[in-house]
Amino acid sequence: MPVFSAYVRDVAVGLDFDVRVARHAEDFRALHRDFLPDVVSLDMVMPEGDGLQLLNWLCDQESRACVLILSGYGSSFIDAAKRLAQAKGHRRVEALRKPIDVPALQSALMSLAA
C-alpha cells in the first residue's frame, strides 16, 4: 500500500472510521458497490485512473457519500474538482492540498462524518 493511502487510513482508523483502501480505480468501484461508504477520500492522482473520473462515476451511481478531495495539484485544480463534485450533487465536499498534516485531515474527516 502506498505511503499516502496508509497515512490517510491510519488517521481515519484513529477516528474510529471503518476503512477500506483501494489503490486502483477499478478496485475502488468494486469496494464502493460492496461497502457503500458514508465518506470517500479521493486522491486526484492514482494508478489506472484519476479522482475526477471517480467523482463522475460516484455521481453516476447516485452515491450519497460525502467526498474528501486530496491532491498535490494547485488550489485552482482542487477548487475546480470541489465545484464539480458539488455541481453533480454531492451533498458535502471538502478538499485538502498536500502535504496534509494530521490535524487538518482529522478535522476534514470529522466534518464530513458529522
Protein backbone atom coordinates (compact mmCIF):
# COMPACT_ATOMS: atom_id res chain seq x y z
CA MET A 1 0.00 0.00 0.00
CA PRO A 2 1.45 3.39 -0.91
CA VAL A 3 2.55 5.61 1.92
CA PHE A 4 -0.09 8.32 1.46
CA SER A 5 -3.07 5.96 1.45
CA ALA A 6 -1.67 4.26 4.56
CA TYR A 7 -1.36 7.70 6.20
CA VAL A 8 -5.00 8.58 5.44
CA ARG A 9 -6.14 5.12 6.54
CA ASP A 10 -4.28 5.38 9.86
CA VAL A 11 -5.74 8.80 10.62
CA ALA A 12 -9.27 7.63 9.75
CA VAL A 13 -8.93 4.43 11.81
CA GLY A 14 -7.70 6.57 14.71
CA LEU A 15 -11.02 8.43 14.48
CA ASP A 16 -12.95 5.11 14.58
CA PHE A 17 -13.84 5.05 10.88
CA ASP A 18 -14.40 1.65 9.29
CA VAL A 19 -11.89 1.95 6.44
CA ARG A 20 -11.39 0.25 3.08
CA VAL A 21 -8.50 1.22 0.82
CA ALA A 22 -8.39 0.92 -2.96
CA ARG A 23 -5.26 1.75 -4.89
CA HIS A 24 -6.76 1.47 -8.38
CA ALA A 25 -9.94 2.93 -9.82
CA GLU A 26 -11.44 -0.49 -10.60
CA ASP A 27 -10.76 -1.65 -7.04
CA PHE A 28 -12.47 1.50 -5.77
CA ARG A 29 -15.57 0.81 -7.85
CA ALA A 30 -15.80 -2.77 -6.58
CA LEU A 31 -15.30 -1.70 -2.95
CA HIS A 32 -17.86 1.08 -3.27
CA ARG A 33 -20.51 -1.28 -4.61
CA ASP A 34 -19.98 -3.69 -1.70
CA PHE A 35 -19.32 -1.21 1.10
CA LEU A 36 -21.42 1.93 0.37
CA PRO A 37 -19.32 4.34 2.43
CA ASP A 38 -20.57 7.50 4.13
CA VAL A 39 -17.28 9.31 3.43
CA VAL A 40 -15.00 8.81 0.43
CA SER A 41 -11.44 10.11 0.33
CA LEU A 42 -10.19 10.53 -3.24
CA ASP A 43 -6.66 11.33 -4.30
CA MET A 44 -6.79 13.08 -7.66
CA VAL A 45 -3.85 11.02 -8.95
CA MET A 46 -3.94 7.23 -8.85
CA PRO A 47 -2.78 4.34 -10.98
CA GLU A 48 -5.06 3.43 -13.89
CA GLY A 49 -7.48 6.32 -13.43
CA ASP A 50 -7.88 9.59 -11.65
CA GLY A 51 -10.01 11.17 -8.99
CA LEU A 52 -12.05 13.24 -11.45
CA GLN A 53 -13.16 10.09 -13.26
CA LEU A 54 -14.17 8.57 -9.94
CA LEU A 55 -16.05 11.72 -8.92
CA ASN A 56 -18.07 11.44 -12.12
CA TRP A 57 -18.60 7.72 -11.53
CA LEU A 58 -19.83 8.38 -7.97
CA CYS A 59 -22.32 10.87 -9.37
CA ASP A 60 -23.48 8.38 -11.98
CA GLN A 61 -24.02 5.87 -9.17
CA GLU A 62 -26.03 8.49 -7.24
CA SER A 63 -23.67 7.99 -4.33
CA ARG A 64 -24.73 9.64 -1.08
CA ALA A 65 -21.17 9.66 0.26
CA CYS A 66 -19.51 12.84 1.39
CA VAL A 67 -16.26 13.39 -0.51
CA LEU A 68 -12.81 14.44 0.66
CA ILE A 69 -10.67 15.50 -2.31
CA LEU A 70 -6.92 15.21 -1.77
CA SER A 71 -4.34 16.50 -4.21
CA GLY A 72 -0.86 17.84 -4.63
CA TYR A 73 -2.05 19.96 -7.55
CA GLY A 74 -2.57 23.69 -7.19
CA SER A 75 -5.52 25.21 -5.39
CA SER A 76 -7.30 26.15 -8.64
CA PHE A 77 -7.43 22.48 -9.67
CA ILE A 78 -8.64 21.42 -6.22
CA ASP A 79 -11.29 24.14 -6.18
CA ALA A 80 -12.48 23.08 -9.66
CA ALA A 81 -12.74 19.43 -8.54
CA LYS A 82 -14.68 20.52 -5.46
CA ARG A 83 -17.09 22.63 -7.54
CA LEU A 84 -17.57 19.72 -9.96
CA ALA A 85 -18.48 17.36 -7.12
CA GLN A 86 -20.92 19.89 -5.65
CA ALA A 87 -22.47 20.69 -9.03
CA LYS A 88 -23.01 16.99 -9.66
CA GLY A 89 -24.91 16.57 -6.42
CA HIS A 90 -22.52 15.55 -3.70
CA ARG A 91 -24.08 16.89 -0.54
CA ARG A 92 -20.83 17.62 1.26
CA VAL A 93 -17.37 18.06 -0.18
CA GLU A 94 -14.09 19.04 1.45
CA ALA A 95 -10.75 19.49 -0.28
CA LEU A 96 -7.19 19.47 1.06
CA ARG A 97 -3.91 20.18 -0.69
CA LYS A 98 -0.87 18.02 0.00
CA PRO A 99 1.12 17.97 2.13
CA ILE A 100 -1.66 17.43 4.66
CA ASP A 101 -0.98 17.45 8.37
CA VAL A 102 -2.80 15.17 10.80
CA PRO A 103 -4.97 17.89 12.43
CA ALA A 104 -6.22 19.16 9.06
CA LEU A 105 -7.04 15.63 7.89
CA GLN A 106 -8.77 14.79 11.17
CA SER A 107 -10.79 17.99 11.00
CA ALA A 108 -11.91 17.37 7.40
CA LEU A 109 -12.89 13.75 8.10
CA MET A 110 -14.83 14.64 11.25
CA SER A 111 -16.59 17.50 9.47
CA LEU A 112 -17.74 15.17 6.71
CA ALA A 113 -18.81 12.45 9.15
CA ALA A 114 -20.90 14.82 11.26
